[in-house]
C-alpha cells in the first residue's frame, strides 16, 4: 500500500467514524469515561453532538434503553 493509499484510507475512516468506533468507553473532554457511568444528561448531550447518522448515536441509545428497562423492572 502506498503512502497516498494509507492517507486515503485514514481519511475515509475519519469521515465514517469522526468520533471513533463505538465501544464502552467515550473519550470526553475530561478524559475517557465508561458509557454506563455517564449521566443521562451527558449521554443526551453527546447524542446531540454526534448526530443520528453517527454510529455512537446507536451505542448511546442502547444505554438509555438499558436504563429504562432496568428502572421499569425495579418498580
N, C-alpha and C. Protein backbone atom coordinates (compact mmCIF):
# COMPACT_ATOMS: atom_id res chain seq x y z
N UNK A 1 0.85 -1.17 0.00
CA UNK A 1 0.00 0.00 0.00
C UNK A 1 0.90 1.24 0.00
N UNK A 2 0.58 2.18 -0.84
CA UNK A 2 1.38 3.39 -0.94
C UNK A 2 1.02 4.36 0.20
N UNK A 3 1.85 5.35 0.36
CA UNK A 3 1.61 6.37 1.37
C UNK A 3 0.28 7.07 1.09
N UNK A 4 0.00 7.36 -0.17
CA UNK A 4 -1.26 8.01 -0.54
C UNK A 4 -2.45 7.12 -0.19
N UNK A 5 -2.35 5.83 -0.46
CA UNK A 5 -3.44 4.91 -0.14
C UNK A 5 -3.67 4.83 1.37
N UNK A 6 -2.58 4.87 2.13
CA UNK A 6 -2.70 4.91 3.60
C UNK A 6 -3.44 6.17 4.04
N UNK A 7 -3.05 7.30 3.48
CA UNK A 7 -3.69 8.57 3.82
C UNK A 7 -5.16 8.55 3.44
N UNK A 8 -5.46 8.03 2.25
CA UNK A 8 -6.83 7.97 1.78
C UNK A 8 -7.68 7.06 2.67
N UNK A 9 -7.14 5.92 3.07
CA UNK A 9 -7.86 5.00 3.96
C UNK A 9 -8.11 5.64 5.31
N UNK A 10 -7.13 6.36 5.83
CA UNK A 10 -7.31 7.04 7.12
C UNK A 10 -8.36 8.14 7.01
N UNK A 11 -8.35 8.86 5.91
CA UNK A 11 -9.35 9.92 5.69
C UNK A 11 -10.75 9.32 5.61
N UNK A 12 -10.90 8.21 4.90
CA UNK A 12 -12.21 7.54 4.79
C UNK A 12 -12.68 7.08 6.16
N UNK A 13 -11.78 6.53 6.95
CA UNK A 13 -12.13 6.08 8.29
C UNK A 13 -12.60 7.25 9.15
N UNK A 14 -11.85 8.35 9.13
CA UNK A 14 -12.22 9.50 9.95
C UNK A 14 -13.53 10.13 9.47
N UNK A 15 -13.83 10.01 8.20
CA UNK A 15 -15.10 10.51 7.67
C UNK A 15 -16.26 9.64 8.16
N UNK A 16 -16.05 8.32 8.16
CA UNK A 16 -17.10 7.40 8.58
C UNK A 16 -17.25 7.34 10.10
N UNK A 17 -16.16 7.54 10.82
CA UNK A 17 -16.17 7.45 12.29
C UNK A 17 -15.49 8.67 12.90
N UNK A 18 -16.10 9.86 12.79
CA UNK A 18 -15.43 11.07 13.28
C UNK A 18 -15.18 11.06 14.79
N UNK A 19 -15.94 10.27 15.54
CA UNK A 19 -15.77 10.20 17.00
C UNK A 19 -15.20 8.86 17.42
N UNK A 20 -14.63 8.13 16.48
CA UNK A 20 -14.06 6.83 16.76
C UNK A 20 -15.11 5.73 16.63
N UNK A 21 -14.67 4.51 16.84
CA UNK A 21 -15.56 3.36 16.74
C UNK A 21 -16.31 3.23 18.07
N UNK A 22 -17.63 3.09 18.00
CA UNK A 22 -18.40 2.95 19.24
C UNK A 22 -17.96 1.74 20.06
N UNK A 23 -17.82 1.96 21.35
CA UNK A 23 -17.45 0.89 22.28
C UNK A 23 -18.02 1.26 23.63
N UNK A 24 -17.48 0.74 24.69
CA UNK A 24 -17.99 1.02 26.03
C UNK A 24 -17.34 2.25 26.67
N UNK A 25 -16.36 2.85 25.99
CA UNK A 25 -15.64 4.00 26.54
C UNK A 25 -15.77 5.19 25.59
N UNK A 26 -16.27 6.30 26.12
CA UNK A 26 -16.38 7.55 25.37
C UNK A 26 -15.22 8.45 25.77
N UNK A 27 -14.59 9.05 24.78
CA UNK A 27 -13.49 9.98 25.04
C UNK A 27 -14.08 11.36 25.25
N UNK A 28 -14.30 11.73 26.49
CA UNK A 28 -14.88 13.04 26.80
C UNK A 28 -13.77 14.08 26.90
N UNK A 29 -14.16 15.32 27.02
CA UNK A 29 -13.18 16.41 27.16
C UNK A 29 -12.34 16.23 28.43
N UNK A 30 -12.91 15.56 29.44
CA UNK A 30 -12.20 15.34 30.70
C UNK A 30 -11.45 14.02 30.74
N UNK A 31 -11.45 13.29 29.63
CA UNK A 31 -10.79 12.01 29.57
C UNK A 31 -11.78 10.89 29.34
N UNK A 32 -11.30 9.66 29.23
CA UNK A 32 -12.19 8.54 28.93
C UNK A 32 -13.17 8.26 30.08
N UNK A 33 -14.38 7.86 29.70
CA UNK A 33 -15.42 7.52 30.67
C UNK A 33 -16.25 6.37 30.11
N UNK A 34 -16.58 5.44 30.98
CA UNK A 34 -17.45 4.34 30.57
C UNK A 34 -18.84 4.88 30.28
N UNK A 35 -19.44 4.44 29.20
CA UNK A 35 -20.78 4.91 28.83
C UNK A 35 -21.76 4.64 29.96
N UNK A 36 -21.64 3.50 30.60
CA UNK A 36 -22.58 3.17 31.68
C UNK A 36 -22.41 4.06 32.91
N UNK A 37 -21.28 4.76 33.01
CA UNK A 37 -21.05 5.67 34.14
C UNK A 37 -21.42 7.11 33.81
N UNK A 38 -21.76 7.38 32.56
CA UNK A 38 -22.15 8.73 32.16
C UNK A 38 -23.55 9.03 32.69
N UNK A 39 -23.79 10.28 33.02
CA UNK A 39 -25.14 10.65 33.42
C UNK A 39 -26.04 10.63 32.18
N UNK A 40 -27.33 10.52 32.42
CA UNK A 40 -28.27 10.52 31.31
C UNK A 40 -28.18 11.83 30.53
N UNK A 41 -28.04 12.93 31.23
CA UNK A 41 -27.89 14.23 30.56
C UNK A 41 -26.63 14.27 29.70
N UNK A 42 -25.54 13.70 30.21
CA UNK A 42 -24.29 13.67 29.46
C UNK A 42 -24.49 12.87 28.17
N UNK A 43 -25.15 11.73 28.27
CA UNK A 43 -25.40 10.90 27.09
C UNK A 43 -26.25 11.67 26.08
N UNK A 44 -27.30 12.31 26.55
CA UNK A 44 -28.17 13.08 25.63
C UNK A 44 -27.40 14.22 24.97
N UNK A 45 -26.54 14.89 25.72
CA UNK A 45 -25.72 15.95 25.13
C UNK A 45 -24.78 15.39 24.06
N UNK A 46 -24.18 14.25 24.34
CA UNK A 46 -23.28 13.63 23.37
C UNK A 46 -24.05 13.21 22.12
N UNK A 47 -25.28 12.75 22.30
CA UNK A 47 -26.10 12.37 21.15
C UNK A 47 -26.36 13.58 20.26
N UNK A 48 -26.54 14.74 20.86
CA UNK A 48 -26.73 15.96 20.07
C UNK A 48 -25.46 16.32 19.31
N UNK A 49 -24.32 16.08 19.93
CA UNK A 49 -23.05 16.40 19.30
C UNK A 49 -22.78 15.48 18.12
N UNK A 50 -22.97 14.17 18.30
CA UNK A 50 -22.62 13.23 17.24
C UNK A 50 -23.67 13.17 16.14
N UNK A 51 -24.92 13.37 16.46
CA UNK A 51 -25.99 13.31 15.46
C UNK A 51 -26.44 11.89 15.18
N UNK A 52 -27.61 11.76 14.61
CA UNK A 52 -28.23 10.45 14.39
C UNK A 52 -27.50 9.57 13.39
N UNK A 53 -26.71 10.16 12.51
CA UNK A 53 -26.01 9.37 11.49
C UNK A 53 -24.71 8.75 11.99
N UNK A 54 -24.27 9.15 13.16
CA UNK A 54 -23.03 8.63 13.71
C UNK A 54 -23.30 7.32 14.44
N UNK A 55 -22.42 6.32 14.29
CA UNK A 55 -22.62 5.04 14.98
C UNK A 55 -22.69 5.16 16.50
N UNK A 56 -22.09 6.21 17.07
CA UNK A 56 -22.16 6.40 18.52
C UNK A 56 -23.60 6.64 18.97
N UNK A 57 -24.41 7.25 18.11
CA UNK A 57 -25.81 7.51 18.46
C UNK A 57 -26.47 6.21 18.93
N UNK A 58 -26.28 5.14 18.15
CA UNK A 58 -26.89 3.85 18.49
C UNK A 58 -26.35 3.30 19.80
N UNK A 59 -25.05 3.47 20.04
CA UNK A 59 -24.46 2.98 21.30
C UNK A 59 -25.06 3.71 22.49
N UNK A 60 -25.22 5.03 22.35
CA UNK A 60 -25.82 5.82 23.43
C UNK A 60 -27.29 5.44 23.61
N UNK A 61 -28.00 5.21 22.52
CA UNK A 61 -29.41 4.83 22.61
C UNK A 61 -29.55 3.48 23.31
N UNK A 62 -28.66 2.55 23.04
CA UNK A 62 -28.68 1.26 23.73
C UNK A 62 -28.56 1.43 25.24
N UNK A 63 -27.68 2.33 25.65
CA UNK A 63 -27.51 2.57 27.09
C UNK A 63 -28.76 3.20 27.69
N UNK A 64 -29.36 4.15 27.00
CA UNK A 64 -30.60 4.76 27.52
C UNK A 64 -31.72 3.72 27.60
N UNK A 65 -31.82 2.86 26.59
CA UNK A 65 -32.82 1.79 26.62
C UNK A 65 -32.58 0.83 27.78
N UNK A 66 -31.31 0.49 28.02
CA UNK A 66 -30.97 -0.40 29.14
C UNK A 66 -31.41 0.23 30.46
N UNK A 67 -31.17 1.51 30.61
CA UNK A 67 -31.56 2.21 31.85
C UNK A 67 -33.08 2.22 32.02
N UNK A 68 -33.81 2.42 30.95
CA UNK A 68 -35.27 2.40 31.04
C UNK A 68 -35.78 1.02 31.45
N UNK A 69 -35.22 -0.02 30.85
CA UNK A 69 -35.62 -1.39 31.20
C UNK A 69 -35.32 -1.68 32.66
N UNK A 70 -34.11 -1.28 33.10
CA UNK A 70 -33.70 -1.52 34.49
C UNK A 70 -34.61 -0.77 35.46
N UNK A 71 -34.93 0.48 35.14
CA UNK A 71 -35.82 1.28 36.00
C UNK A 71 -37.22 0.70 36.03
N UNK A 72 -37.69 0.20 34.89
CA UNK A 72 -39.03 -0.39 34.81
C UNK A 72 -39.12 -1.65 35.65
N UNK A 73 -38.08 -2.47 35.59
CA UNK A 73 -38.09 -3.73 36.34
C UNK A 73 -37.84 -3.52 37.82
N UNK A 74 -37.28 -2.40 38.19
CA UNK A 74 -37.01 -2.11 39.61
C UNK A 74 -38.27 -1.68 40.35
N UNK A 75 -39.29 -1.27 39.61
CA UNK A 75 -40.53 -0.79 40.24
C UNK A 75 -41.38 -1.93 40.68
